[in-house]
Amino acid sequence: MWCDPPIAPRTPRPAAVTPKGADRRARILRALEDLLEEQPFGEIRIGQITARANVTRPGFYFYFPTKAAAVAALLEELLEATLAMATAWYAGEPDDPLGALRDGMVGTVELWREHARLFRAMTEAARTDGEVGALWAAWSSAFVERVTVRIVEDRARGEIVAGPDPDALAEALVGSAFFLMERDVVAVLEGRTRPVDDLVDALVHLFSSALYGRPAGGGA
């Protein structure tokens, strides 16, 4: 039975948010996202966020108790979008798992590239700020747990090859994918872009070889 594992902690939201309030909250997050693309997380001040979002300081604290809590909300948005890209493969429903895997990788790589500056800012902040580092770790754990569930269930059905501990294997696969996508994001920002399929093919080959015991064919 498929069940969702824990994901990164959600940022508490007011019980009743009016359309105007929802717009104010969205402006705060977009302002923070823009600032993260311009300067390190540690240098960003609440006053900068409120000025750019055109809200008061109390208005900021109405939605987010800390700057890190606002980052958590951004990560939550990205988590939901990224997980949606590979829902079919995570759920283990399709007859064509490699096709579902490829579709998920294509969508994930494109999403990371679309938000290249934000992802780079997040990974850099995670290395220097303890709160953001913990949030990023929880964020990546959501993917590890989903891959672990898929490995366990598919092994029970005899659909994938036997191998090492499922959690350790999932950790290695997700860690490798994040490392490669982070390098790709840096390449994008430095103008050294490569066709998306290059990275997608590498990631699909990595997962399919480790899980299904066979390389996946190239191409969409």
N, C-alpha and C. Protein backbone atom coordinates (compact mmCIF):
# COMPACT_ATOMS: atom_id res chain seq x y z
N MET A 1 0.86 -1.20 0.00
CA MET A 1 0.00 0.00 0.00
C MET A 1 0.89 1.24 0.00
N TRP A 2 0.59 2.14 -0.92
CA TRP A 2 1.39 3.37 -1.01
C TRP A 2 0.97 4.35 0.06
N CYS A 3 1.94 4.90 0.74
CA CYS A 3 1.64 5.95 1.72
C CYS A 3 2.74 6.99 1.67
N ASP A 4 2.33 8.24 1.82
CA ASP A 4 3.30 9.33 1.76
C ASP A 4 4.11 9.38 3.03
N PRO A 5 5.46 9.41 2.93
CA PRO A 5 6.31 9.59 4.11
C PRO A 5 6.33 11.04 4.52
N PRO A 6 6.91 11.34 5.67
CA PRO A 6 6.99 12.74 6.11
C PRO A 6 7.78 13.59 5.13
N ILE A 7 7.41 14.84 4.99
CA ILE A 7 8.14 15.76 4.15
C ILE A 7 8.59 16.93 5.00
N ALA A 8 9.27 17.87 4.35
CA ALA A 8 9.78 19.02 5.08
C ALA A 8 8.65 19.71 5.83
N PRO A 9 8.92 20.17 7.05
CA PRO A 9 7.87 20.79 7.86
C PRO A 9 7.20 21.94 7.13
N ARG A 10 5.90 21.97 7.19
CA ARG A 10 5.17 23.05 6.54
C ARG A 10 5.15 24.29 7.41
N THR A 11 5.20 25.43 6.77
CA THR A 11 5.16 26.69 7.50
C THR A 11 3.73 26.95 7.97
N PRO A 12 3.52 27.22 9.26
CA PRO A 12 2.16 27.50 9.74
C PRO A 12 1.57 28.71 9.01
N ARG A 13 0.31 28.60 8.67
CA ARG A 13 -0.37 29.71 8.01
C ARG A 13 -1.58 30.13 8.84
N PRO A 14 -1.95 31.39 8.76
CA PRO A 14 -3.14 31.82 9.48
C PRO A 14 -4.35 31.00 9.07
N ALA A 15 -5.27 30.77 10.01
CA ALA A 15 -6.40 29.88 9.74
C ALA A 15 -7.27 30.41 8.61
N ALA A 16 -7.51 31.70 8.58
CA ALA A 16 -8.37 32.27 7.55
C ALA A 16 -7.61 33.36 6.81
N VAL A 17 -7.15 33.02 5.62
CA VAL A 17 -6.39 33.99 4.83
C VAL A 17 -7.29 34.51 3.73
N THR A 18 -7.52 35.79 3.73
CA THR A 18 -8.35 36.41 2.70
C THR A 18 -7.59 36.46 1.39
N PRO A 19 -8.29 36.68 0.27
CA PRO A 19 -7.58 36.83 -1.00
C PRO A 19 -6.49 37.91 -0.94
N LYS A 20 -6.80 39.00 -0.24
CA LYS A 20 -5.80 40.05 -0.08
C LYS A 20 -4.62 39.55 0.73
N GLY A 21 -4.90 38.76 1.77
CA GLY A 21 -3.84 38.21 2.60
C GLY A 21 -3.00 37.21 1.83
N ALA A 22 -3.65 36.40 1.00
CA ALA A 22 -2.91 35.42 0.19
C ALA A 22 -1.99 36.13 -0.78
N ASP A 23 -2.45 37.25 -1.34
CA ASP A 23 -1.62 38.02 -2.25
C ASP A 23 -0.43 38.61 -1.52
N ARG A 24 -0.65 39.10 -0.29
CA ARG A 24 0.43 39.67 0.49
C ARG A 24 1.49 38.61 0.81
N ARG A 25 1.03 37.43 1.21
CA ARG A 25 1.95 36.33 1.50
C ARG A 25 2.76 35.95 0.25
N ALA A 26 2.08 35.88 -0.89
CA ALA A 26 2.76 35.53 -2.13
C ALA A 26 3.80 36.58 -2.49
N ARG A 27 3.50 37.87 -2.26
CA ARG A 27 4.46 38.93 -2.56
C ARG A 27 5.70 38.80 -1.69
N ILE A 28 5.49 38.42 -0.43
CA ILE A 28 6.64 38.23 0.48
C ILE A 28 7.54 37.12 -0.05
N LEU A 29 6.96 36.01 -0.46
CA LEU A 29 7.76 34.89 -0.95
C LEU A 29 8.47 35.23 -2.24
N ARG A 30 7.80 35.93 -3.14
CA ARG A 30 8.45 36.30 -4.40
C ARG A 30 9.58 37.30 -4.15
N ALA A 31 9.37 38.19 -3.18
CA ALA A 31 10.43 39.15 -2.85
C ALA A 31 11.64 38.42 -2.29
N LEU A 32 11.40 37.46 -1.41
CA LEU A 32 12.50 36.68 -0.85
C LEU A 32 13.20 35.89 -1.95
N GLU A 33 12.43 35.30 -2.84
CA GLU A 33 13.04 34.53 -3.94
C GLU A 33 13.93 35.43 -4.78
N ASP A 34 13.46 36.62 -5.09
CA ASP A 34 14.27 37.56 -5.88
C ASP A 34 15.55 37.94 -5.14
N LEU A 35 15.44 38.19 -3.86
CA LEU A 35 16.61 38.58 -3.07
C LEU A 35 17.61 37.44 -2.97
N LEU A 36 17.13 36.21 -2.86
CA LEU A 36 18.02 35.06 -2.79
C LEU A 36 18.82 34.90 -4.09
N GLU A 37 18.28 35.38 -5.17
CA GLU A 37 18.98 35.32 -6.45
C GLU A 37 20.02 36.42 -6.58
N GLU A 38 19.98 37.39 -5.66
CA GLU A 38 20.87 38.55 -5.76
C GLU A 38 21.96 38.56 -4.70
N GLN A 39 21.71 37.95 -3.54
CA GLN A 39 22.69 38.02 -2.46
C GLN A 39 22.55 36.81 -1.54
N PRO A 40 23.58 36.50 -0.76
CA PRO A 40 23.52 35.35 0.14
C PRO A 40 22.40 35.49 1.16
N PHE A 41 21.88 34.35 1.59
CA PHE A 41 20.79 34.32 2.55
C PHE A 41 21.14 35.09 3.82
N GLY A 42 22.36 34.91 4.32
CA GLY A 42 22.75 35.53 5.56
C GLY A 42 22.78 37.05 5.52
N GLU A 43 22.87 37.61 4.33
CA GLU A 43 22.94 39.07 4.20
C GLU A 43 21.56 39.71 4.02
N ILE A 44 20.56 38.91 3.76
CA ILE A 44 19.22 39.44 3.53
C ILE A 44 18.59 39.83 4.86
N ARG A 45 18.01 41.02 4.90
CA ARG A 45 17.35 41.51 6.10
C ARG A 45 15.83 41.54 5.89
N ILE A 46 15.12 41.40 7.00
CA ILE A 46 13.65 41.43 6.92
C ILE A 46 13.18 42.73 6.27
N GLY A 47 13.86 43.83 6.58
CA GLY A 47 13.47 45.12 6.00
C GLY A 47 13.57 45.12 4.48
N GLN A 48 14.55 44.42 3.93
CA GLN A 48 14.66 44.33 2.48
C GLN A 48 13.48 43.59 1.89
N ILE A 49 13.09 42.51 2.56
CA ILE A 49 11.97 41.71 2.06
C ILE A 49 10.68 42.52 2.09
N THR A 50 10.43 43.20 3.23
CA THR A 50 9.19 43.95 3.35
C THR A 50 9.13 45.13 2.40
N ALA A 51 10.29 45.77 2.18
CA ALA A 51 10.31 46.90 1.25
C ALA A 51 10.00 46.44 -0.16
N ARG A 52 10.60 45.33 -0.57
CA ARG A 52 10.38 44.86 -1.93
C ARG A 52 8.97 44.31 -2.11
N ALA A 53 8.43 43.70 -1.04
CA ALA A 53 7.08 43.15 -1.14
C ALA A 53 6.00 44.20 -0.87
N ASN A 54 6.42 45.39 -0.45
CA ASN A 54 5.50 46.47 -0.12
C ASN A 54 4.53 46.05 0.99
N VAL A 55 5.11 45.48 2.04
CA VAL A 55 4.32 45.12 3.23
C VAL A 55 5.04 45.67 4.45
N THR A 56 4.34 45.76 5.56
CA THR A 56 4.96 46.22 6.80
C THR A 56 5.73 45.07 7.46
N ARG A 57 6.60 45.44 8.40
CA ARG A 57 7.31 44.41 9.15
C ARG A 57 6.33 43.51 9.93
N PRO A 58 5.32 44.10 10.63
CA PRO A 58 4.33 43.24 11.28
C PRO A 58 3.60 42.34 10.27
N GLY A 59 3.44 42.87 9.04
CA GLY A 59 2.80 42.07 8.01
C GLY A 59 3.61 40.83 7.68
N PHE A 60 4.93 40.99 7.66
CA PHE A 60 5.80 39.83 7.41
C PHE A 60 5.64 38.81 8.53
N TYR A 61 5.71 39.28 9.78
CA TYR A 61 5.66 38.37 10.92
C TYR A 61 4.29 37.74 11.12
N PHE A 62 3.27 38.30 10.51
CA PHE A 62 1.95 37.69 10.56
C PHE A 62 1.97 36.33 9.86
N TYR A 63 2.78 36.22 8.82
CA TYR A 63 2.85 34.98 8.05
C TYR A 63 4.04 34.11 8.40
N PHE A 64 5.16 34.74 8.77
CA PHE A 64 6.39 33.98 8.99
C PHE A 64 7.09 34.47 10.26
N PRO A 65 7.32 33.58 11.22
CA PRO A 65 7.97 34.00 12.46
C PRO A 65 9.43 34.37 12.27
N THR A 66 10.08 33.79 11.25
CA THR A 66 11.49 34.07 10.99
C THR A 66 11.74 34.08 9.48
N LYS A 67 12.91 34.55 9.11
CA LYS A 67 13.32 34.52 7.71
C LYS A 67 13.43 33.09 7.22
N ALA A 68 13.95 32.20 8.08
CA ALA A 68 14.08 30.80 7.71
C ALA A 68 12.72 30.15 7.47
N ALA A 69 11.70 30.59 8.20
CA ALA A 69 10.36 30.05 8.00
C ALA A 69 9.84 30.41 6.61
N ALA A 70 10.19 31.60 6.14
CA ALA A 70 9.80 31.99 4.78
C ALA A 70 10.54 31.14 3.75
N VAL A 71 11.82 30.84 4.03
CA VAL A 71 12.57 29.94 3.14
C VAL A 71 11.92 28.57 3.13
N ALA A 72 11.44 28.11 4.29
CA ALA A 72 10.76 26.82 4.36
C ALA A 72 9.53 26.80 3.46
N ALA A 73 8.82 27.93 3.41
CA ALA A 73 7.64 28.00 2.55
C ALA A 73 8.04 27.92 1.07
N LEU A 74 9.14 28.57 0.71
CA LEU A 74 9.64 28.46 -0.66
C LEU A 74 10.00 27.03 -0.99
N LEU A 75 10.69 26.36 -0.06
CA LEU A 75 11.08 24.97 -0.28
C LEU A 75 9.85 24.08 -0.39
N GLU A 76 8.82 24.40 0.38
CA GLU A 76 7.59 23.61 0.30
C GLU A 76 6.97 23.72 -1.09
N GLU A 77 6.96 24.92 -1.65
CA GLU A 77 6.43 25.10 -3.00
C GLU A 77 7.22 24.28 -4.01
N LEU A 78 8.56 24.35 -3.89
CA LEU A 78 9.41 23.62 -4.81
C LEU A 78 9.28 22.12 -4.62
N LEU A 79 9.13 21.69 -3.37
CA LEU A 79 8.97 20.27 -3.09
C LEU A 79 7.71 19.74 -3.76
N GLU A 80 6.61 20.44 -3.60
CA GLU A 80 5.36 20.00 -4.17
C GLU A 80 5.44 19.95 -5.69
N ALA A 81 6.08 20.96 -6.28
CA ALA A 81 6.20 20.99 -7.74
C ALA A 81 7.10 19.87 -8.24
N THR A 82 8.22 19.63 -7.53
CA THR A 82 9.16 18.61 -7.97
C THR A 82 8.57 17.22 -7.80
N LEU A 83 7.92 16.96 -6.68
CA LEU A 83 7.31 15.65 -6.47
C LEU A 83 6.22 15.37 -7.50
N ALA A 84 5.51 16.41 -7.90
CA ALA A 84 4.45 16.23 -8.88
C ALA A 84 5.01 15.74 -10.21
N MET A 85 6.26 16.10 -10.50
CA MET A 85 6.86 15.69 -11.77
C MET A 85 6.99 14.18 -11.89
N ALA A 86 7.20 13.51 -10.76
CA ALA A 86 7.48 12.07 -10.80
C ALA A 86 6.45 11.25 -10.03
N THR A 87 5.24 11.79 -9.89
CA THR A 87 4.22 11.10 -9.12
C THR A 87 3.96 9.69 -9.65
N ALA A 88 3.88 9.54 -10.98
CA ALA A 88 3.59 8.23 -11.57
C ALA A 88 4.64 7.20 -11.20
N TRP A 89 5.92 7.60 -11.24
CA TRP A 89 6.97 6.63 -10.91
C TRP A 89 7.00 6.35 -9.40
N TYR A 90 6.87 7.38 -8.58
CA TYR A 90 6.89 7.19 -7.13
C TYR A 90 5.76 6.24 -6.69
N ALA A 91 4.60 6.38 -7.31
CA ALA A 91 3.45 5.58 -6.92
C ALA A 91 3.54 4.14 -7.42
N GLY A 92 4.42 3.88 -8.38
CA GLY A 92 4.61 2.52 -8.87
C GLY A 92 3.43 1.97 -9.63
N GLU A 93 2.66 2.86 -10.28
CA GLU A 93 1.44 2.42 -10.97
C GLU A 93 1.62 2.05 -12.45
N PRO A 94 2.51 2.71 -13.19
CA PRO A 94 2.51 2.50 -14.64
C PRO A 94 3.09 1.15 -15.05
N ASP A 95 2.69 0.70 -16.26
CA ASP A 95 3.25 -0.52 -16.84
C ASP A 95 4.65 -0.26 -17.37
N ASP A 96 4.98 0.98 -17.59
CA ASP A 96 6.29 1.36 -18.16
C ASP A 96 7.06 2.18 -17.13
N PRO A 97 7.70 1.54 -16.14
CA PRO A 97 8.38 2.30 -15.09
C PRO A 97 9.52 3.16 -15.62
N LEU A 98 10.24 2.68 -16.64
CA LEU A 98 11.35 3.48 -17.18
C LEU A 98 10.83 4.72 -17.90
N GLY A 99 9.70 4.58 -18.58
CA GLY A 99 9.10 5.75 -19.23
C GLY A 99 8.65 6.77 -18.21
N ALA A 100 8.04 6.28 -17.11
CA ALA A 100 7.60 7.19 -16.05
C ALA A 100 8.80 7.84 -15.38
N LEU A 101 9.87 7.05 -15.21
CA LEU A 101 11.09 7.59 -14.61
C LEU A 101 11.67 8.69 -15.48
N ARG A 102 11.72 8.46 -16.79
CA ARG A 102 12.25 9.47 -17.70
C ARG A 102 11.39 10.73 -17.68
N ASP A 103 10.07 10.57 -17.71
CA ASP A 103 9.19 11.74 -17.68
C ASP A 103 9.43 12.57 -16.42
N GLY A 104 9.59 11.87 -15.29
CA GLY A 104 9.85 12.58 -14.04
C GLY A 104 11.16 13.32 -14.05
N MET A 105 12.20 12.70 -14.63
CA MET A 105 13.51 13.34 -14.70
C MET A 105 13.48 14.56 -15.62
N VAL A 106 12.79 14.44 -16.74
CA VAL A 106 12.69 15.58 -17.65
C VAL A 106 12.05 16.77 -16.94
N GLY A 107 10.92 16.52 -16.27
CA GLY A 107 10.23 17.60 -15.57
C GLY A 107 11.05 18.18 -14.44
N THR A 108 11.77 17.33 -13.71
CA THR A 108 12.58 17.80 -12.59
C THR A 108 13.74 18.65 -13.05
N VAL A 109 14.45 18.20 -14.08
CA VAL A 109 15.58 18.97 -14.60
C VAL A 109 15.11 20.31 -15.14
N GLU A 110 14.00 20.31 -15.84
CA GLU A 110 13.49 21.57 -16.39
C GLU A 110 13.08 22.53 -15.27
N LEU A 111 12.49 21.99 -14.19
CA LEU A 111 12.09 22.84 -13.06
C LEU A 111 13.32 23.45 -12.40
N TRP A 112 14.36 22.64 -12.17
CA TRP A 112 15.58 23.16 -11.57
C TRP A 112 16.19 24.24 -12.45
N ARG A 113 16.17 24.04 -13.73
CA ARG A 113 16.74 25.05 -14.64
C ARG A 113 15.89 26.32 -14.64
N GLU A 114 14.59 26.16 -14.56
CA GLU A 114 13.70 27.33 -14.53
C GLU A 114 13.96 28.18 -13.29
N HIS A 115 14.31 27.53 -12.19
CA HIS A 115 14.58 28.23 -10.93
C HIS A 115 16.06 28.10 -10.57
N ALA A 116 16.92 28.20 -11.56
CA ALA A 116 18.35 27.94 -11.36
C ALA A 116 18.96 28.81 -10.26
N ARG A 117 18.69 30.10 -10.31
CA ARG A 117 19.29 31.00 -9.31
C ARG A 117 18.78 30.68 -7.91
N LEU A 118 17.51 30.37 -7.80
CA LEU A 118 16.96 30.06 -6.49
C LEU A 118 17.56 28.76 -5.94
N PHE A 119 17.66 27.73 -6.78
CA PHE A 119 18.23 26.47 -6.30
C PHE A 119 19.69 26.66 -5.89
N ARG A 120 20.44 27.43 -6.65
CA ARG A 120 21.83 27.65 -6.25
C ARG A 120 21.89 28.43 -4.94
N ALA A 121 21.02 29.43 -4.79
CA ALA A 121 20.99 30.20 -3.55
C ALA A 121 20.63 29.30 -2.37
N MET A 122 19.69 28.40 -2.58
CA MET A 122 19.28 27.50 -1.50
C MET A 122 20.42 26.57 -1.10
N THR A 123 21.09 25.98 -2.07
CA THR A 123 22.17 25.05 -1.75
C THR A 123 23.33 25.77 -1.08
N GLU A 124 23.61 26.99 -1.50
CA GLU A 124 24.68 27.75 -0.87
C GLU A 124 24.29 28.14 0.56
N ALA A 125 23.04 28.55 0.75
CA ALA A 125 22.58 28.91 2.10
C ALA A 125 22.58 27.69 3.01
N ALA A 126 22.27 26.52 2.46
CA ALA A 126 22.25 25.30 3.28
C ALA A 126 23.63 24.96 3.82
N ARG A 127 24.67 25.39 3.12
CA ARG A 127 26.03 25.08 3.56
C ARG A 127 26.53 26.07 4.61
N THR A 128 25.89 27.21 4.74
CA THR A 128 26.38 28.24 5.64
C THR A 128 25.43 28.59 6.78
N ASP A 129 24.16 28.23 6.65
CA ASP A 129 23.16 28.57 7.67
C ASP A 129 22.55 27.28 8.22
N GLY A 130 22.60 27.12 9.54
CA GLY A 130 22.13 25.90 10.16
C GLY A 130 20.65 25.63 9.93
N GLU A 131 19.82 26.68 10.05
CA GLU A 131 18.38 26.49 9.87
C GLU A 131 18.05 26.08 8.45
N VAL A 132 18.64 26.78 7.48
CA VAL A 132 18.37 26.44 6.09
C VAL A 132 18.95 25.08 5.75
N GLY A 133 20.11 24.75 6.35
CA GLY A 133 20.69 23.43 6.13
C GLY A 133 19.76 22.33 6.60
N ALA A 134 19.13 22.52 7.75
CA ALA A 134 18.19 21.52 8.27
C ALA A 134 16.96 21.42 7.37
N LEU A 135 16.50 22.56 6.86
CA LEU A 135 15.35 22.55 5.96
C LEU A 135 15.68 21.81 4.66
N TRP A 136 16.87 22.09 4.13
CA TRP A 136 17.28 21.44 2.88
C TRP A 136 17.43 19.93 3.09
N ALA A 137 17.96 19.53 4.24
CA ALA A 137 18.11 18.11 4.54
C ALA A 137 16.75 17.43 4.61
N ALA A 138 15.79 18.09 5.25
CA ALA A 138 14.44 17.53 5.33
C ALA A 138 13.81 17.46 3.95
N TRP A 139 14.09 18.47 3.13
CA TRP A 139 13.56 18.53 1.77
C TRP A 139 14.08 17.36 0.95
N SER A 140 15.39 17.12 1.00
CA SER A 140 15.97 16.02 0.23
C SER A 140 15.53 14.67 0.79
N SER A 141 15.31 14.61 2.12
CA SER A 141 14.85 13.35 2.72
C SER A 141 13.50 12.92 2.18
N ALA A 142 12.68 13.89 1.79
CA ALA A 142 11.37 13.54 1.23
C ALA A 142 11.53 12.69 -0.03
N PHE A 143 12.54 13.00 -0.83
CA PHE A 143 12.79 12.23 -2.05
C PHE A 143 13.39 10.87 -1.71
N VAL A 144 14.32 10.85 -0.76
CA VAL A 144 14.93 9.58 -0.35
C VAL A 144 13.86 8.61 0.14
N GLU A 145 12.94 9.11 0.94
CA GLU A 145 11.91 8.23 1.50
C GLU A 145 10.98 7.70 0.42
N ARG A 146 10.66 8.51 -0.55
CA ARG A 146 9.80 8.04 -1.64
C ARG A 146 10.50 6.99 -2.50
N VAL A 147 11.78 7.23 -2.80
CA VAL A 147 12.53 6.25 -3.58
C VAL A 147 12.68 4.95 -2.79
N THR A 148 12.90 5.05 -1.48
CA THR A 148 13.01 3.87 -0.64
C THR A 148 11.74 3.03 -0.70
N VAL A 149 10.59 3.70 -0.59
CA VAL A 149 9.31 2.99 -0.65
C VAL A 149 9.17 2.28 -1.99
N ARG A 150 9.54 2.96 -3.07
CA ARG A 150 9.42 2.35 -4.40
C ARG A 150 10.33 1.13 -4.50
N ILE A 151 11.54 1.21 -3.98
CA ILE A 151 12.48 0.08 -4.03
C ILE A 151 11.91 -1.11 -3.26
N VAL A 152 11.43 -0.85 -2.03
CA VAL A 152 10.90 -1.93 -1.19
C VAL A 152 9.72 -2.61 -1.86
N GLU A 153 8.79 -1.82 -2.38
CA GLU A 153 7.59 -2.40 -2.98
C GLU A 153 7.91 -3.15 -4.27
N ASP A 154 8.80 -2.59 -5.09
CA ASP A 154 9.13 -3.26 -6.35
C ASP A 154 9.95 -4.52 -6.13
N ARG A 155 10.79 -4.53 -5.10
CA ARG A 155 11.52 -5.77 -4.78
C ARG A 155 10.55 -6.85 -4.32
N ALA A 156 9.56 -6.46 -3.54
CA ALA A 156 8.58 -7.43 -3.07
C ALA A 156 7.80 -8.04 -4.22
N ARG A 157 7.60 -7.25 -5.27
CA ARG A 157 6.89 -7.75 -6.46
C ARG A 157 7.82 -8.43 -7.45
N GLY A 158 9.12 -8.40 -7.16
CA GLY A 158 10.09 -9.00 -8.07
C GLY A 158 10.32 -8.20 -9.34
N GLU A 159 10.01 -6.91 -9.30
CA GLU A 159 10.13 -6.07 -10.49
C GLU A 159 11.51 -5.45 -10.64
N ILE A 160 12.29 -5.38 -9.55
CA ILE A 160 13.64 -4.84 -9.65
C ILE A 160 14.61 -5.79 -8.99
N VAL A 161 15.88 -5.63 -9.31
CA VAL A 161 16.90 -6.57 -8.86
C VAL A 161 17.18 -6.40 -7.37
N ALA A 162 17.67 -7.48 -6.77
CA ALA A 162 18.09 -7.42 -5.38
C ALA A 162 19.34 -6.54 -5.29
N GLY A 163 19.57 -6.00 -4.10
CA GLY A 163 20.72 -5.12 -3.95
C GLY A 163 20.93 -4.74 -2.51
N PRO A 164 21.63 -3.64 -2.28
CA PRO A 164 21.91 -3.21 -0.91
C PRO A 164 20.67 -2.71 -0.19
N ASP A 165 20.85 -2.33 1.05
CA ASP A 165 19.77 -1.79 1.86
C ASP A 165 19.01 -0.72 1.08
N PRO A 166 17.67 -0.82 0.99
CA PRO A 166 16.89 0.13 0.19
C PRO A 166 17.12 1.59 0.55
N ASP A 167 17.19 1.89 1.85
CA ASP A 167 17.38 3.27 2.26
C ASP A 167 18.76 3.79 1.85
N ALA A 168 19.79 2.95 2.00
CA ALA A 168 21.14 3.36 1.60
C ALA A 168 21.22 3.56 0.10
N LEU A 169 20.57 2.67 -0.66
CA LEU A 169 20.57 2.80 -2.11
C LEU A 169 19.82 4.06 -2.54
N ALA A 170 18.68 4.31 -1.92
CA ALA A 170 17.91 5.52 -2.25
C ALA A 170 18.71 6.78 -1.92
N GLU A 171 19.41 6.77 -0.78
CA GLU A 171 20.23 7.91 -0.38
C GLU A 171 21.31 8.17 -1.42
N ALA A 172 21.95 7.09 -1.91
CA ALA A 172 23.01 7.24 -2.91
C ALA A 172 22.46 7.77 -4.22
N LEU A 173 21.32 7.26 -4.65
CA LEU A 173 20.74 7.68 -5.92
C LEU A 173 20.27 9.14 -5.87
N VAL A 174 19.56 9.48 -4.81
CA VAL A 174 19.06 10.86 -4.69
C VAL A 174 20.22 11.83 -4.51
N GLY A 175 21.21 11.45 -3.68
CA GLY A 175 22.37 12.32 -3.49
C GLY A 175 23.11 12.56 -4.78
N SER A 176 23.27 11.51 -5.59
CA SER A 176 23.95 11.65 -6.88
C SER A 176 23.15 12.55 -7.82
N ALA A 177 21.83 12.36 -7.83
CA ALA A 177 20.97 13.18 -8.69
C ALA A 177 21.05 14.64 -8.29
N PHE A 178 20.98 14.93 -6.99
CA PHE A 178 21.05 16.31 -6.53
C PHE A 178 22.41 16.93 -6.88
N PHE A 179 23.48 16.15 -6.73
CA PHE A 179 24.81 16.65 -7.05
C PHE A 179 24.90 17.01 -8.53
N LEU A 180 24.39 16.13 -9.39
CA LEU A 180 24.46 16.39 -10.83
C LEU A 180 23.58 17.56 -11.23
N MET A 181 22.41 17.67 -10.62
CA MET A 181 21.52 18.78 -10.98
C MET A 181 22.06 20.10 -10.46
N GLU A 182 22.71 20.07 -9.30
CA GLU A 182 23.32 21.31 -8.80
C GLU A 182 24.43 21.77 -9.73
N ARG A 183 25.26 20.85 -10.22
CA ARG A 183 26.30 21.20 -11.17
C ARG A 183 25.70 21.74 -12.46
N ASP A 184 24.58 21.15 -12.89
CA ASP A 184 23.93 21.59 -14.11
C ASP A 184 23.39 23.01 -13.94
N VAL A 185 22.83 23.31 -12.75
CA VAL A 185 22.31 24.64 -12.47
C VAL A 185 23.44 25.67 -12.55
N VAL A 186 24.59 25.34 -11.99
CA VAL A 186 25.74 26.25 -12.07
C VAL A 186 26.14 26.47 -13.52
N ALA A 187 26.13 25.40 -14.32
CA ALA A 187 26.46 25.53 -15.74
C ALA A 187 25.48 26.44 -16.46
N VAL A 188 24.20 26.32 -16.11
CA VAL A 188 23.18 27.18 -16.72
C VAL A 188 23.46 28.64 -16.39
N LEU A 189 23.76 28.92 -15.12
CA LEU A 189 23.97 30.30 -14.69
C LEU A 189 25.25 30.89 -15.27
N GLU A 190 26.21 30.04 -15.56
CA GLU A 190 27.46 30.52 -16.14
C GLU A 190 27.44 30.50 -17.66
N GLY A 191 26.28 30.20 -18.23
CA GLY A 191 26.15 30.21 -19.68
C GLY A 191 26.68 28.97 -20.38
N ARG A 192 26.99 27.92 -19.59
CA ARG A 192 27.49 26.69 -20.19
C ARG A 192 26.37 25.66 -20.25
N THR A 193 25.26 26.03 -20.89
CA THR A 193 24.11 25.14 -20.92
C THR A 193 24.36 23.95 -21.83
N ARG A 194 23.73 22.85 -21.46
CA ARG A 194 23.77 21.64 -22.28
C ARG A 194 22.34 21.22 -22.53
N PRO A 195 22.10 20.43 -23.59
CA PRO A 195 20.73 19.95 -23.81
C PRO A 195 20.22 19.21 -22.58
N VAL A 196 18.96 19.43 -22.23
CA VAL A 196 18.39 18.78 -21.06
C VAL A 196 18.54 17.27 -21.16
N ASP A 197 18.38 16.71 -22.36
CA ASP A 197 18.43 15.26 -22.52
C ASP A 197 19.77 14.68 -22.09
N ASP A 198 20.87 15.43 -22.18
CA ASP A 198 22.16 14.91 -21.74
C ASP A 198 22.09 14.52 -20.27
N LEU A 199 21.61 15.41 -19.44
CA LEU A 199 21.51 15.14 -18.02
C LEU A 199 20.42 14.12 -17.73
N VAL A 200 19.31 14.24 -18.41
CA VAL A 200 18.21 13.30 -18.21
C VAL A 200 18.67 11.88 -18.52
N ASP A 201 19.36 11.70 -19.64
CA ASP A 201 19.83 10.36 -20.01
C ASP A 201 20.76 9.79 -18.95
N ALA A 202 21.64 10.64 -18.41
CA ALA A 202 22.57 10.17 -17.39
C ALA A 202 21.83 9.75 -16.12
N LEU A 203 20.85 10.54 -15.71
CA LEU A 203 20.10 10.23 -14.49
C LEU A 203 19.23 8.99 -14.66
N VAL A 204 18.56 8.88 -15.81
CA VAL A 204 17.73 7.70 -16.05
C VAL A 204 18.60 6.45 -16.12
N HIS A 205 19.77 6.55 -16.76
CA HIS A 205 20.69 5.41 -16.82
C HIS A 205 21.13 5.00 -15.42
N LEU A 206 21.45 5.99 -14.59
CA LEU A 206 21.89 5.72 -13.23
C LEU A 206 20.82 4.96 -12.45
N PHE A 207 19.58 5.46 -12.46
CA PHE A 207 18.51 4.83 -11.71
C PHE A 207 18.12 3.48 -12.30
N SER A 208 17.99 3.40 -13.61
CA SER A 208 17.53 2.16 -14.23
C SER A 208 18.56 1.04 -14.07
N SER A 209 19.84 1.38 -14.16
CA SER A 209 20.88 0.36 -13.99
C SER A 209 20.92 -0.13 -12.55
N ALA A 210 20.81 0.79 -11.59
CA ALA A 210 20.89 0.42 -10.18
C ALA A 210 19.64 -0.34 -9.72
N LEU A 211 18.48 0.02 -10.25
CA LEU A 211 17.24 -0.56 -9.77
C LEU A 211 16.74 -1.73 -10.61
N TYR A 212 16.78 -1.54 -11.93
CA TYR A 212 16.18 -2.54 -12.81
C TYR A 212 17.21 -3.46 -13.47
N GLY A 213 18.49 -3.19 -13.21
CA GLY A 213 19.52 -4.06 -13.72
C GLY A 213 19.74 -3.95 -15.20
N ARG A 214 19.28 -2.87 -15.79
CA ARG A 214 19.48 -2.68 -17.22
C ARG A 214 19.47 -1.19 -17.54
N PRO A 215 20.27 -0.78 -18.52
CA PRO A 215 20.25 0.64 -18.90
C PRO A 215 18.99 0.96 -19.68
N ALA A 216 18.56 2.19 -19.56
CA ALA A 216 17.39 2.64 -20.31
C ALA A 216 17.82 3.16 -21.66
N GLY A 217 16.99 3.01 -22.65
CA GLY A 217 17.31 3.55 -23.98
C GLY A 217 17.24 5.05 -23.96
N GLY A 218 18.04 5.70 -24.75
CA GLY A 218 18.04 7.16 -24.84
C GLY A 218 16.82 7.64 -25.56
N GLY A 219 16.62 8.95 -25.48
CA GLY A 219 15.50 9.57 -26.18
C GLY A 219 14.27 9.59 -25.32
N ALA A 220 13.38 10.51 -25.69
CA ALA A 220 12.16 10.67 -24.90
C ALA A 220 11.18 9.55 -25.21
